[in-house]
Amino acid sequence: IIETYFADVPQEAYKTLTSLNAVS
């Protein structure tokens, strides 16, 4: 699991994060 918090995740960071293969 990768957690972010305290604010919005910008669109490019969201795309990069949710495309990670190792993360479920």
PDB file of all heavy atoms in Angstrom:
ATOM      1  N   ILE A   1       0.859  -1.189   0.000  1.00  0.00           N
ATOM      2  CA  ILE A   1       0.000   0.000   0.000  1.00  0.00           C
ATOM      3  C   ILE A   1       0.892   1.234   0.000  1.00  0.00           C
ATOM      4  O   ILE A   1       1.883   1.285   0.727  1.00  0.00           O
ATOM      5  CB  ILE A   1      -0.888   0.034   1.265  1.00  0.00           C
ATOM      6  CG1 ILE A   1      -1.656  -1.281   1.435  1.00  0.00           C
ATOM      7  CG2 ILE A   1      -1.847   1.233   1.238  1.00  0.00           C
ATOM      8  CD1 ILE A   1      -2.026  -1.583   2.876  1.00  0.00           C
ATOM      9  N   ILE A   2       0.551   2.217  -0.810  1.00  0.00           N
ATOM     10  CA  ILE A   2       1.206   3.524  -0.724  1.00  0.00           C
ATOM     11  C   ILE A   2       0.152   4.545  -0.337  1.00  0.00           C
ATOM     12  O   ILE A   2      -0.889   4.663  -0.985  1.00  0.00           O
ATOM     13  CB  ILE A   2       1.891   3.929  -2.046  1.00  0.00           C
ATOM     14  CG1 ILE A   2       3.085   3.016  -2.318  1.00  0.00           C
ATOM     15  CG2 ILE A   2       2.358   5.393  -1.975  1.00  0.00           C
ATOM     16  CD1 ILE A   2       3.901   3.406  -3.538  1.00  0.00           C
ATOM     17  N   GLU A   3       0.433   5.260   0.752  1.00  0.00           N
ATOM     18  CA  GLU A   3      -0.501   6.258   1.284  1.00  0.00           C
ATOM     19  C   GLU A   3       0.000   7.676   1.011  1.00  0.00           C
ATOM     20  O   GLU A   3       1.188   7.964   1.139  1.00  0.00           O
ATOM     21  CB  GLU A   3      -0.654   6.084   2.809  1.00  0.00           C
ATOM     22  CG  GLU A   3      -1.536   4.931   3.224  1.00  0.00           C
ATOM     23  CD  GLU A   3      -3.020   5.247   3.158  1.00  0.00           C
ATOM     24  OE1 GLU A   3      -3.383   6.413   2.910  1.00  0.00           O
ATOM     25  OE2 GLU A   3      -3.808   4.309   3.364  1.00  0.00           O
ATOM     26  N   THR A   4      -0.922   8.549   0.643  1.00  0.00           N
ATOM     27  CA  THR A   4      -0.645   9.985   0.581  1.00  0.00           C
ATOM     28  C   THR A   4      -1.675  10.666   1.486  1.00  0.00           C
ATOM     29  O   THR A   4      -2.708  10.085   1.806  1.00  0.00           O
ATOM     30  CB  THR A   4      -0.792  10.535  -0.851  1.00  0.00           C
ATOM     31  OG1 THR A   4      -2.166  10.446  -1.250  1.00  0.00           O
ATOM     32  CG2 THR A   4       0.061   9.742  -1.828  1.00  0.00           C
ATOM     33  N   TYR A   5      -1.367  11.890   1.890  1.00  0.00           N
ATOM     34  CA  TYR A   5      -2.328  12.580   2.774  1.00  0.00           C
ATOM     35  C   TYR A   5      -2.019  14.059   2.877  1.00  0.00           C
ATOM     36  O   TYR A   5      -1.002  14.528   2.384  1.00  0.00           O
ATOM     37  CB  TYR A   5      -2.356  11.945   4.173  1.00  0.00           C
ATOM     38  CG  TYR A   5      -1.041  11.441   4.715  1.00  0.00           C
ATOM     39  CD1 TYR A   5      -0.067  12.322   5.187  1.00  0.00           C
ATOM     40  CD2 TYR A   5      -0.764  10.078   4.766  1.00  0.00           C
ATOM     41  CE1 TYR A   5       1.135  11.859   5.703  1.00  0.00           C
ATOM     42  CE2 TYR A   5       0.446   9.603   5.275  1.00  0.00           C
ATOM     43  CZ  TYR A   5       1.386  10.502   5.743  1.00  0.00           C
ATOM     44  OH  TYR A   5       2.574  10.041   6.248  1.00  0.00           O
ATOM     45  N   PHE A   6      -2.945  14.781   3.492  1.00  0.00           N
ATOM     46  CA  PHE A   6      -2.869  16.217   3.803  1.00  0.00           C
ATOM     47  C   PHE A   6      -3.261  17.145   2.655  1.00  0.00           C
ATOM     48  O   PHE A   6      -3.357  18.354   2.842  1.00  0.00           O
ATOM     49  CB  PHE A   6      -1.485  16.643   4.314  1.00  0.00           C
ATOM     50  CG  PHE A   6      -1.060  15.945   5.569  1.00  0.00           C
ATOM     51  CD1 PHE A   6       0.253  15.572   5.768  1.00  0.00           C
ATOM     52  CD2 PHE A   6      -1.977  15.657   6.567  1.00  0.00           C
ATOM     53  CE1 PHE A   6       0.659  14.935   6.928  1.00  0.00           C
ATOM     54  CE2 PHE A   6      -1.589  15.018   7.735  1.00  0.00           C
ATOM     55  CZ  PHE A   6      -0.272  14.660   7.913  1.00  0.00           C
ATOM     56  N   ALA A   7      -3.459  16.621   1.459  1.00  0.00           N
ATOM     57  CA  ALA A   7      -3.811  17.511   0.341  1.00  0.00           C
ATOM     58  C   ALA A   7      -4.188  16.664  -0.875  1.00  0.00           C
ATOM     59  O   ALA A   7      -4.110  15.435  -0.854  1.00  0.00           O
ATOM     60  CB  ALA A   7      -2.647  18.440   0.007  1.00  0.00           C
ATOM     61  N   ASP A   8      -4.574  17.368  -1.936  1.00  0.00           N
ATOM     62  CA  ASP A   8      -4.837  16.704  -3.213  1.00  0.00           C
ATOM     63  C   ASP A   8      -3.553  16.178  -3.823  1.00  0.00           C
ATOM     64  O   ASP A   8      -2.480  16.765  -3.650  1.00  0.00           O
ATOM     65  CB  ASP A   8      -5.467  17.701  -4.201  1.00  0.00           C
ATOM     66  CG  ASP A   8      -6.952  17.892  -3.958  1.00  0.00           C
ATOM     67  OD1 ASP A   8      -7.692  16.889  -4.006  1.00  0.00           O
ATOM     68  OD2 ASP A   8      -7.375  19.035  -3.719  1.00  0.00           O
ATOM     69  N   VAL A   9      -3.661  15.086  -4.557  1.00  0.00           N
ATOM     70  CA  VAL A   9      -2.547  14.577  -5.352  1.00  0.00           C
ATOM     71  C   VAL A   9      -2.695  15.146  -6.758  1.00  0.00           C
ATOM     72  O   VAL A   9      -3.724  14.943  -7.398  1.00  0.00           O
ATOM     73  CB  VAL A   9      -2.560  13.034  -5.392  1.00  0.00           C
ATOM     74  CG1 VAL A   9      -1.455  12.508  -6.302  1.00  0.00           C
ATOM     75  CG2 VAL A   9      -2.410  12.466  -3.991  1.00  0.00           C
ATOM     76  N   PRO A  10      -1.703  15.881  -7.261  1.00  0.00           N
ATOM     77  CA  PRO A  10      -1.787  16.418  -8.618  1.00  0.00           C
ATOM     78  C   PRO A  10      -1.960  15.304  -9.656  1.00  0.00           C
ATOM     79  O   PRO A  10      -1.570  14.153  -9.418  1.00  0.00           O
ATOM     80  CB  PRO A  10      -0.449  17.143  -8.808  1.00  0.00           C
ATOM     81  CG  PRO A  10      -0.001  17.466  -7.418  1.00  0.00           C
ATOM     82  CD  PRO A  10      -0.471  16.317  -6.578  1.00  0.00           C
ATOM     83  N   GLN A  11      -2.522  15.653 -10.782  1.00  0.00           N
ATOM     84  CA  GLN A  11      -2.880  14.654 -11.791  1.00  0.00           C
ATOM     85  C   GLN A  11      -1.701  13.797 -12.254  1.00  0.00           C
ATOM     86  O   GLN A  11      -1.814  12.577 -12.357  1.00  0.00           O
ATOM     87  CB  GLN A  11      -3.518  15.344 -13.004  1.00  0.00           C
ATOM     88  CG  GLN A  11      -4.062  14.367 -14.036  1.00  0.00           C
ATOM     89  CD  GLN A  11      -4.866  15.057 -15.119  1.00  0.00           C
ATOM     90  OE1 GLN A  11      -4.825  16.271 -15.257  1.00  0.00           O
ATOM     91  NE2 GLN A  11      -5.609  14.282 -15.881  1.00  0.00           N
ATOM     92  N   GLU A  12      -0.551  14.431 -12.532  1.00  0.00           N
ATOM     93  CA  GLU A  12       0.595  13.663 -13.022  1.00  0.00           C
ATOM     94  C   GLU A  12       1.116  12.706 -11.959  1.00  0.00           C
ATOM     95  O   GLU A  12       1.515  11.573 -12.264  1.00  0.00           O
ATOM     96  CB  GLU A  12       1.708  14.608 -13.500  1.00  0.00           C
ATOM     97  CG  GLU A  12       1.426  15.260 -14.836  1.00  0.00           C
ATOM     98  CD  GLU A  12       1.083  14.261 -15.928  1.00  0.00           C
ATOM     99  OE1 GLU A  12       1.859  13.292 -16.123  1.00  0.00           O
ATOM    100  OE2 GLU A  12       0.030  14.417 -16.584  1.00  0.00           O
ATOM    101  N   ALA A  13       1.125  13.161 -10.691  1.00  0.00           N
ATOM    102  CA  ALA A  13       1.561  12.286  -9.604  1.00  0.00           C
ATOM    103  C   ALA A  13       0.578  11.128  -9.430  1.00  0.00           C
ATOM    104  O   ALA A  13       0.993   9.984  -9.169  1.00  0.00           O
ATOM    105  CB  ALA A  13       1.683  13.076  -8.308  1.00  0.00           C
ATOM    106  N   TYR A  14      -0.710  11.404  -9.590  1.00  0.00           N
ATOM    107  CA  TYR A  14      -1.740  10.361  -9.497  1.00  0.00           C
ATOM    108  C   TYR A  14      -1.505   9.294 -10.563  1.00  0.00           C
ATOM    109  O   TYR A  14      -1.557   8.096 -10.290  1.00  0.00           O
ATOM    110  CB  TYR A  14      -3.125  10.986  -9.643  1.00  0.00           C
ATOM    111  CG  TYR A  14      -4.265   9.989  -9.618  1.00  0.00           C
ATOM    112  CD1 TYR A  14      -4.774   9.511  -8.416  1.00  0.00           C
ATOM    113  CD2 TYR A  14      -4.827   9.520 -10.804  1.00  0.00           C
ATOM    114  CE1 TYR A  14      -5.807   8.587  -8.393  1.00  0.00           C
ATOM    115  CE2 TYR A  14      -5.867   8.604 -10.795  1.00  0.00           C
ATOM    116  CZ  TYR A  14      -6.356   8.137  -9.587  1.00  0.00           C
ATOM    117  OH  TYR A  14      -7.378   7.218  -9.579  1.00  0.00           O
ATOM    118  N   LYS A  15      -1.238   9.740 -11.780  1.00  0.00           N
ATOM    119  CA  LYS A  15      -0.987   8.798 -12.884  1.00  0.00           C
ATOM    120  C   LYS A  15       0.240   7.947 -12.609  1.00  0.00           C
ATOM    121  O   LYS A  15       0.229   6.730 -12.813  1.00  0.00           O
ATOM    122  CB  LYS A  15      -0.785   9.574 -14.197  1.00  0.00           C
ATOM    123  CG  LYS A  15      -2.044  10.158 -14.799  1.00  0.00           C
ATOM    124  CD  LYS A  15      -1.686  10.872 -16.101  1.00  0.00           C
ATOM    125  CE  LYS A  15      -2.891  11.546 -16.724  1.00  0.00           C
ATOM    126  NZ  LYS A  15      -2.519  12.294 -17.949  1.00  0.00           N
ATOM    127  N   THR A  16       1.304   8.606 -12.151  1.00  0.00           N
ATOM    128  CA  THR A  16       2.545   7.880 -11.860  1.00  0.00           C
ATOM    129  C   THR A  16       2.338   6.870 -10.746  1.00  0.00           C
ATOM    130  O   THR A  16       2.755   5.706 -10.847  1.00  0.00           O
ATOM    131  CB  THR A  16       3.661   8.871 -11.465  1.00  0.00           C
ATOM    132  OG1 THR A  16       3.849   9.821 -12.517  1.00  0.00           O
ATOM    133  CG2 THR A  16       4.963   8.144 -11.202  1.00  0.00           C
ATOM    134  N   LEU A  17       1.674   7.290  -9.684  1.00  0.00           N
ATOM    135  CA  LEU A  17       1.439   6.420  -8.532  1.00  0.00           C
ATOM    136  C   LEU A  17       0.594   5.213  -8.903  1.00  0.00           C
ATOM    137  O   LEU A  17       0.952   4.071  -8.599  1.00  0.00           O
ATOM    138  CB  LEU A  17       0.764   7.218  -7.411  1.00  0.00           C
ATOM    139  CG  LEU A  17       0.286   6.450  -6.183  1.00  0.00           C
ATOM    140  CD1 LEU A  17       1.439   5.715  -5.522  1.00  0.00           C
ATOM    141  CD2 LEU A  17      -0.392   7.400  -5.196  1.00  0.00           C
ATOM    142  N   THR A  18      -0.527   5.449  -9.543  1.00  0.00           N
ATOM    143  CA  THR A  18      -1.471   4.354  -9.807  1.00  0.00           C
ATOM    144  C   THR A  18      -1.017   3.430 -10.935  1.00  0.00           C
ATOM    145  O   THR A  18      -1.670   2.422 -11.206  1.00  0.00           O
ATOM    146  CB  THR A  18      -2.876   4.907 -10.121  1.00  0.00           C
ATOM    147  OG1 THR A  18      -2.793   5.861 -11.188  1.00  0.00           O
ATOM    148  CG2 THR A  18      -3.487   5.562  -8.891  1.00  0.00           C
ATOM    149  N   SER A  19       0.108   3.753 -11.565  1.00  0.00           N
ATOM    150  CA  SER A  19       0.622   2.875 -12.622  1.00  0.00           C
ATOM    151  C   SER A  19       1.706   1.926 -12.112  1.00  0.00           C
ATOM    152  O   SER A  19       2.232   1.120 -12.881  1.00  0.00           O
ATOM    153  CB  SER A  19       1.180   3.714 -13.781  1.00  0.00           C
ATOM    154  OG  SER A  19       2.322   4.444 -13.358  1.00  0.00           O
ATOM    155  N   LEU A  20       2.033   1.999 -10.807  1.00  0.00           N
ATOM    156  CA  LEU A  20       3.097   1.151 -10.257  1.00  0.00           C
ATOM    157  C   LEU A  20       2.655  -0.312 -10.192  1.00  0.00           C
ATOM    158  O   LEU A  20       1.617  -0.638  -9.623  1.00  0.00           O
ATOM    159  CB  LEU A  20       3.484   1.631  -8.851  1.00  0.00           C
ATOM    160  CG  LEU A  20       4.097   3.029  -8.738  1.00  0.00           C
ATOM    161  CD1 LEU A  20       4.364   3.362  -7.272  1.00  0.00           C
ATOM    162  CD2 LEU A  20       5.381   3.136  -9.551  1.00  0.00           C
ATOM    163  N   ASN A  21       3.471  -1.187 -10.744  1.00  0.00           N
ATOM    164  CA  ASN A  21       3.133  -2.615 -10.785  1.00  0.00           C
ATOM    165  C   ASN A  21       3.227  -3.278  -9.420  1.00  0.00           C
ATOM    166  O   ASN A  21       2.439  -4.172  -9.103  1.00  0.00           O
ATOM    167  CB  ASN A  21       4.069  -3.344 -11.761  1.00  0.00           C
ATOM    168  CG  ASN A  21       3.829  -2.946 -13.193  1.00  0.00           C
ATOM    169  OD1 ASN A  21       2.706  -2.663 -13.578  1.00  0.00           O
ATOM    170  ND2 ASN A  21       4.891  -2.915 -13.990  1.00  0.00           N
ATOM    171  N   ALA A  22       4.194  -2.855  -8.610  1.00  0.00           N
ATOM    172  CA  ALA A  22       4.453  -3.550  -7.345  1.00  0.00           C
ATOM    173  C   ALA A  22       3.433  -3.226  -6.266  1.00  0.00           C
ATOM    174  O   ALA A  22       3.416  -3.852  -5.211  1.00  0.00           O
ATOM    175  CB  ALA A  22       5.853  -3.193  -6.843  1.00  0.00           C
ATOM    176  N   VAL A  23       2.576  -2.227  -6.525  1.00  0.00           N
ATOM    177  CA  VAL A  23       1.659  -1.721  -5.496  1.00  0.00           C
ATOM    178  C   VAL A  23       0.247  -2.237  -5.761  1.00  0.00           C
ATOM    179  O   VAL A  23      -0.249  -2.163  -6.887  1.00  0.00           O
ATOM    180  CB  VAL A  23       1.675  -0.179  -5.463  1.00  0.00           C
ATOM    181  CG1 VAL A  23       0.758   0.344  -4.372  1.00  0.00           C
ATOM    182  CG2 VAL A  23       3.098   0.323  -5.257  1.00  0.00           C
ATOM    183  N   SER A  24      -0.391  -2.749  -4.706  1.00  0.00           N
ATOM    184  CA  SER A  24      -1.737  -3.301  -4.879  1.00  0.00           C
ATOM    185  C   SER A  24      -2.824  -2.433  -4.277  1.00  0.00           C
ATOM    186  O   SER A  24      -4.008  -2.678  -4.485  1.00  0.00           O
ATOM    187  CB  SER A  24      -1.804  -4.706  -4.269  1.00  0.00           C
ATOM    188  OG  SER A  24      -1.166  -4.750  -3.015  1.00  0.00           O
TER     189      SER A  24
END
